[in-house]
Amino acid sequence: MNVLYTGDNMRAFIRAFWGGNESDLEKSREHLLKNDIRLPPDNSVARWNKIKENIKCCLEMPHITPFVTYVFGSNNYEYLTNLGLECRLINELPYCFREYRHKLEVFKYAMKEFDEVVFLDWDTKPTKPLPLNFWDKLNEKEVFQASLWAYRHPKITHRSNAKDNRFCPASGFVYMRDKCIPDKLIKHWENASNQWSAEPPFALLTDEMTNGWKGLDKYWKLFEPECYSCKRSPYRNDPLKYAKDVCFVNRGNAWKF
C-alpha cells in the first residue's frame, strides 16, 4: 500500500504496537530492571490481546487510510507484516520503556521519516473517505494538534484551577508537523508529575505554546483537529463545531457502536 500523501511535504498516517504475552515480558525484564524502568502493569497482556482484536477490526473497515506502524518486538513485527501491514521495527524487545512512553518514542521515529504525521490509536475509527482538503485544514491550526477530552477527575496537576486540570489532550488522534515536537513531549514526560500516560505532556506542551491554559475556545482555535470526534469531547454537543469535517471517531470501543 502507498502510505505517503505527497505534495510539498512527506505525509503519513502512523500507528504503534508494543507489548506481548508473559514470554515476551521475560525477554524485556532484564533490560527494564537494568534501566530502572517499572515493569508493565498486570493488565498489560490483556491490553495487548485487546489491541490485536482492534487491529483485525481495523483492517476490515471501509474507508481505511493506508498507514505505517512503528513496532516494538520482533514477534509483533512478524505478526503485523504477515497481515500485510507496512511496519518499522524500532526495537526487537516488546517493552523498552514505561508503558505509554513507547508512543512518544514512535512520534520521534516517525518525524525523522516524515514532515507531517497523523497518529491513530487502533480504536480510532474512520467513518468516511478523507476530504480533499484534509491536510490543508490541519495546516490551518498549530503544528501540534490533539483532541481535547473532558475527564471526570483531574488528569494533570500543573494548572492552578483544579477544574481546568480535567481538560487534557488525548492520544487517539495526534497531528504534528514540527520535528522538534517529539523531543519536547519526551522532555515534558520526564518532568511530569505522573508518567503513567502519554497525554499529560500534550497538555504541558499546548499550555506552553499559549503561555498558560487559555480555555476551551482558545484550545479549539489552535489545537483541536476538527476531523476527529470522541465521546469525552467538551465540544461534541456544540452544533457549530464538527459540522461536516469529522472523518474519524473514537468512542472508547469504536468497533461496537
Protein backbone atom coordinates (compact mmCIF):
# COMPACT_ATOMS: atom_id res chain seq x y z
CA MET A 1 0.00 0.00 0.00
CA ASN A 2 1.13 3.53 -0.69
CA VAL A 3 1.27 5.17 2.73
CA LEU A 4 2.51 8.56 1.63
CA TYR A 5 0.47 11.62 0.78
CA THR A 6 2.82 13.58 -1.42
CA GLY A 7 2.95 17.27 -2.04
CA ASP A 8 5.26 19.85 -0.59
CA ASN A 9 5.79 17.58 2.42
CA MET A 10 6.07 13.87 3.07
CA ARG A 11 2.93 12.94 4.97
CA ALA A 12 1.68 9.74 6.53
CA PHE A 13 -0.77 8.18 8.93
CA ILE A 14 1.02 6.20 11.63
CA ARG A 15 0.16 3.71 14.36
CA ALA A 16 2.08 1.96 17.13
CA PHE A 17 2.29 -1.55 18.55
CA TRP A 18 4.24 -2.81 21.54
CA GLY A 19 3.79 -5.31 24.38
CA GLY A 20 3.15 -9.01 24.39
CA ASN A 21 2.48 -12.10 26.46
CA GLU A 22 4.31 -13.30 29.58
CA SER A 23 7.05 -14.86 27.47
CA ASP A 24 7.61 -11.55 25.69
CA LEU A 25 7.78 -9.77 29.04
CA GLU A 26 10.55 -12.09 30.16
CA LYS A 27 12.56 -11.06 27.10
CA SER A 28 12.35 -7.45 28.24
CA ARG A 29 12.65 -7.91 32.00
CA GLU A 30 16.45 -7.70 32.19
CA HIS A 31 16.50 -4.51 30.10
CA LEU A 32 13.75 -2.88 32.19
CA LEU A 33 15.30 -3.76 35.54
CA LYS A 34 18.77 -2.72 34.40
CA ASN A 35 17.45 0.71 33.39
CA ASP A 36 15.24 1.09 36.47
CA ILE A 37 12.06 1.09 34.39
CA ARG A 38 8.85 -0.04 36.04
CA LEU A 39 7.58 -3.36 34.73
CA PRO A 40 4.36 -3.33 32.66
CA PRO A 41 1.13 -3.33 34.71
CA ASP A 42 -0.72 -6.55 35.46
CA ASN A 43 -3.30 -5.87 32.74
CA SER A 44 -0.69 -5.38 30.02
CA VAL A 45 -1.22 -8.82 28.44
CA ALA A 46 -5.00 -8.29 28.33
CA ARG A 47 -4.41 -4.87 26.79
CA TRP A 48 -2.09 -6.37 24.17
CA ASN A 49 -4.67 -9.02 23.25
CA LYS A 50 -7.38 -6.36 23.02
CA ILE A 51 -5.27 -4.30 20.64
CA LYS A 52 -4.77 -7.36 18.44
CA GLU A 53 -8.56 -7.66 18.23
CA ASN A 54 -8.84 -3.98 17.30
CA ILE A 55 -6.16 -4.41 14.62
CA LYS A 56 -8.19 -7.14 12.95
CA CYS A 57 -11.33 -5.00 13.09
CA CYS A 58 -9.40 -2.01 11.78
CA LEU A 59 -8.29 -3.90 8.69
CA GLU A 60 -11.90 -4.83 7.88
CA MET A 61 -13.17 -1.25 7.99
CA PRO A 62 -14.27 0.63 4.88
CA HIS A 63 -12.52 3.96 4.25
CA ILE A 64 -9.36 2.75 5.97
CA THR A 65 -6.42 5.01 5.21
CA PRO A 66 -3.03 3.41 4.47
CA PHE A 67 -0.61 3.78 7.37
CA VAL A 68 2.83 2.88 8.72
CA THR A 69 3.06 1.01 12.03
CA TYR A 70 6.05 1.53 14.30
CA VAL A 71 6.68 -1.64 16.26
CA PHE A 72 8.47 -2.79 19.39
CA GLY A 73 9.09 -6.54 19.48
CA SER A 74 10.25 -8.88 16.75
CA ASN A 75 7.22 -11.15 17.28
CA ASN A 76 4.89 -8.17 16.92
CA TYR A 77 6.69 -7.11 13.77
CA GLU A 78 6.30 -10.57 12.26
CA TYR A 79 2.63 -10.68 13.25
CA LEU A 80 1.81 -7.36 11.58
CA THR A 81 3.85 -7.90 8.43
CA ASN A 82 2.09 -11.24 7.97
CA LEU A 83 -1.14 -9.25 7.96
CA GLY A 84 0.27 -7.25 5.05
CA LEU A 85 0.97 -4.06 7.01
CA GLU A 86 3.89 -1.77 6.34
CA CYS A 87 5.96 -1.64 9.53
CA ARG A 88 9.11 -0.17 11.02
CA LEU A 89 10.79 -2.22 13.75
CA ILE A 90 12.12 0.17 16.40
CA ASN A 91 13.47 -2.47 18.80
CA GLU A 92 13.38 -6.26 18.95
CA LEU A 93 12.26 -6.06 22.58
CA PRO A 94 8.48 -5.67 23.02
CA TYR A 95 8.94 -3.46 26.10
CA CYS A 96 11.70 -0.84 26.21
CA PHE A 97 10.13 1.96 28.23
CA ARG A 98 7.44 2.56 30.78
CA GLU A 99 4.20 1.57 29.03
CA TYR A 100 2.92 4.66 27.13
CA ARG A 101 6.35 6.26 26.78
CA HIS A 102 6.58 3.91 23.76
CA LYS A 103 4.05 6.13 21.99
CA LEU A 104 6.22 9.22 22.42
CA GLU A 105 9.19 7.32 21.01
CA VAL A 106 7.10 6.41 17.98
CA PHE A 107 6.47 10.11 17.36
CA LYS A 108 10.23 10.68 17.40
CA TYR A 109 10.95 7.97 14.84
CA ALA A 110 8.05 8.99 12.62
CA MET A 111 9.07 12.64 12.49
CA LYS A 112 12.53 11.63 11.36
CA GLU A 113 10.93 9.91 8.39
CA PHE A 114 8.07 12.28 7.56
CA ASP A 115 7.35 16.01 7.63
CA GLU A 116 3.73 15.65 8.75
CA VAL A 117 2.05 12.77 10.53
CA VAL A 118 -1.31 11.84 11.95
CA PHE A 119 -1.09 9.23 14.68
CA LEU A 120 -4.16 7.00 15.17
CA ASP A 121 -4.93 4.65 18.02
CA TRP A 122 -6.23 1.26 16.97
CA ASP A 123 -9.70 2.06 18.34
CA THR A 124 -10.00 5.22 16.26
CA LYS A 125 -12.49 4.50 13.53
CA PRO A 126 -12.62 6.03 10.02
CA THR A 127 -16.19 6.95 9.13
CA LYS A 128 -15.89 8.22 5.55
CA PRO A 129 -13.28 8.94 2.88
CA LEU A 130 -10.84 11.73 3.65
CA PRO A 131 -11.96 15.13 2.35
CA LEU A 132 -9.74 16.53 -0.38
CA ASN A 133 -8.67 19.37 1.92
CA PHE A 134 -7.84 17.09 4.87
CA TRP A 135 -4.18 18.13 5.23
CA ASP A 136 -4.93 21.75 4.31
CA LYS A 137 -7.40 22.00 7.20
CA LEU A 138 -4.84 20.63 9.62
CA ASN A 139 -2.35 23.19 8.36
CA GLU A 140 -4.72 25.99 9.33
CA LYS A 141 -4.06 25.31 13.02
CA GLU A 142 -0.98 24.78 15.17
CA VAL A 143 1.94 22.45 14.47
CA PHE A 144 0.65 20.08 17.18
CA GLN A 145 -3.00 19.08 17.49
CA ALA A 146 -4.79 16.54 19.65
CA SER A 147 -8.44 16.22 20.55
CA LEU A 148 -9.28 17.63 23.96
CA TRP A 149 -11.00 15.30 26.42
CA ALA A 150 -13.04 16.31 29.46
CA TYR A 151 -12.21 13.79 32.19
CA ARG A 152 -14.34 13.32 35.30
CA HIS A 153 -11.33 13.80 37.54
CA PRO A 154 -8.13 15.83 37.04
CA LYS A 155 -5.64 14.06 34.82
CA ILE A 156 -2.96 16.73 35.11
CA THR A 157 -1.81 18.89 38.01
CA HIS A 158 0.06 21.89 36.61
CA ARG A 159 -2.90 24.30 36.21
CA SER A 160 -3.94 26.40 39.20
CA ASN A 161 -7.66 25.67 38.77
CA ALA A 162 -8.48 22.04 39.59
CA LYS A 163 -11.46 22.07 37.21
CA ASP A 164 -9.19 23.06 34.34
CA ASN A 165 -6.97 20.07 35.10
CA ARG A 166 -9.80 17.84 33.88
CA PHE A 167 -9.18 19.02 30.30
CA CYS A 168 -6.33 17.12 28.70
CA PRO A 169 -5.49 16.38 25.07
CA ALA A 170 -5.94 12.70 24.24
CA SER A 171 -3.83 10.43 22.06
CA GLY A 172 -6.48 8.79 19.87
CA PHE A 173 -5.72 11.27 17.07
CA VAL A 174 -2.50 13.30 17.16
CA TYR A 175 -1.18 15.54 14.39
CA MET A 176 2.24 17.19 14.16
CA ARG A 177 4.34 18.94 11.56
CA ASP A 178 7.31 20.16 13.60
CA LYS A 179 10.25 17.82 14.00
CA CYS A 180 11.07 19.34 17.41
CA ILE A 181 7.73 18.30 18.91
CA PRO A 182 8.63 14.69 19.90
CA ASP A 183 11.70 15.76 21.90
CA LYS A 184 9.64 18.43 23.65
CA LEU A 185 6.98 15.86 24.56
CA ILE A 186 9.57 13.42 25.89
CA LYS A 187 11.15 16.17 27.99
CA HIS A 188 7.74 17.09 29.40
CA TRP A 189 7.04 13.41 30.12
CA GLU A 190 10.31 13.05 32.01
CA ASN A 191 9.43 16.09 34.14
CA ALA A 192 5.72 15.34 34.53
CA SER A 193 4.18 14.74 37.93
CA ASN A 194 2.92 11.41 36.61
CA GLN A 195 4.32 9.13 33.94
CA TRP A 196 1.50 6.61 33.67
CA SER A 197 0.14 8.21 30.50
CA ALA A 198 1.45 9.77 27.30
CA GLU A 199 -1.15 12.53 27.50
CA PRO A 200 -0.06 14.93 30.31
CA PRO A 201 2.91 16.04 28.15
CA PHE A 202 0.39 17.08 25.48
CA ALA A 203 -1.25 19.47 27.96
CA LEU A 204 2.12 20.78 29.12
CA LEU A 205 3.14 21.42 25.50
CA THR A 206 -0.06 23.17 24.39
CA ASP A 207 -0.20 25.29 27.56
CA GLU A 208 3.44 26.22 26.96
CA MET A 209 2.60 27.30 23.41
CA THR A 210 -0.13 29.67 24.69
CA ASN A 211 1.75 30.84 27.79
CA GLY A 212 -0.71 29.05 30.05
CA TRP A 213 -4.14 27.45 29.70
CA LYS A 214 -6.44 29.91 27.94
CA GLY A 215 -9.71 27.99 28.00
CA LEU A 216 -11.81 25.85 25.67
CA ASP A 217 -12.35 28.41 22.91
CA LYS A 218 -8.63 29.12 22.55
CA TYR A 219 -7.83 25.41 22.51
CA TRP A 220 -10.40 24.83 19.76
CA LYS A 221 -8.99 27.65 17.67
CA LEU A 222 -5.39 26.40 17.84
CA PHE A 223 -5.17 22.73 18.71
CA GLU A 224 -8.43 20.85 18.14
CA PRO A 225 -8.44 18.67 14.97
CA GLU A 226 -11.90 19.22 13.50
CA CYS A 227 -11.78 15.93 11.59
CA TYR A 228 -11.97 13.83 14.79
CA SER A 229 -14.67 13.38 17.41
CA CYS A 230 -14.66 11.45 20.67
CA LYS A 231 -17.15 10.64 23.42
CA ARG A 232 -15.41 12.83 26.01
CA SER A 233 -15.00 15.90 23.86
CA PRO A 234 -16.18 19.09 25.60
CA TYR A 235 -17.21 20.33 22.14
CA ARG A 236 -19.24 17.37 20.92
CA ASN A 237 -22.65 18.90 21.70
CA ASP A 238 -21.82 22.25 20.12
CA PRO A 239 -23.80 22.47 16.84
CA LEU A 240 -21.31 25.00 15.43
CA LYS A 241 -18.43 22.54 15.69
CA TYR A 242 -17.79 19.27 13.87
CA ALA A 243 -20.38 20.34 11.30
CA LYS A 244 -19.09 18.34 8.35
CA ASP A 245 -15.39 17.61 8.67
CA VAL A 246 -15.43 14.59 11.00
CA CYS A 247 -13.97 11.53 9.32
CA PHE A 248 -12.54 9.77 12.40
CA VAL A 249 -14.30 8.92 15.66
CA ASN A 250 -13.44 7.28 18.95
CA ARG A 251 -15.99 6.10 21.47
CA GLY A 252 -13.68 4.12 23.75
CA ASN A 253 -14.64 0.92 21.92
CA ALA A 254 -15.01 2.25 18.43
CA TRP A 255 -15.97 -1.06 16.85
CA LYS A 256 -19.26 -1.54 18.75
CA PHE A 257 -21.48 1.45 18.04
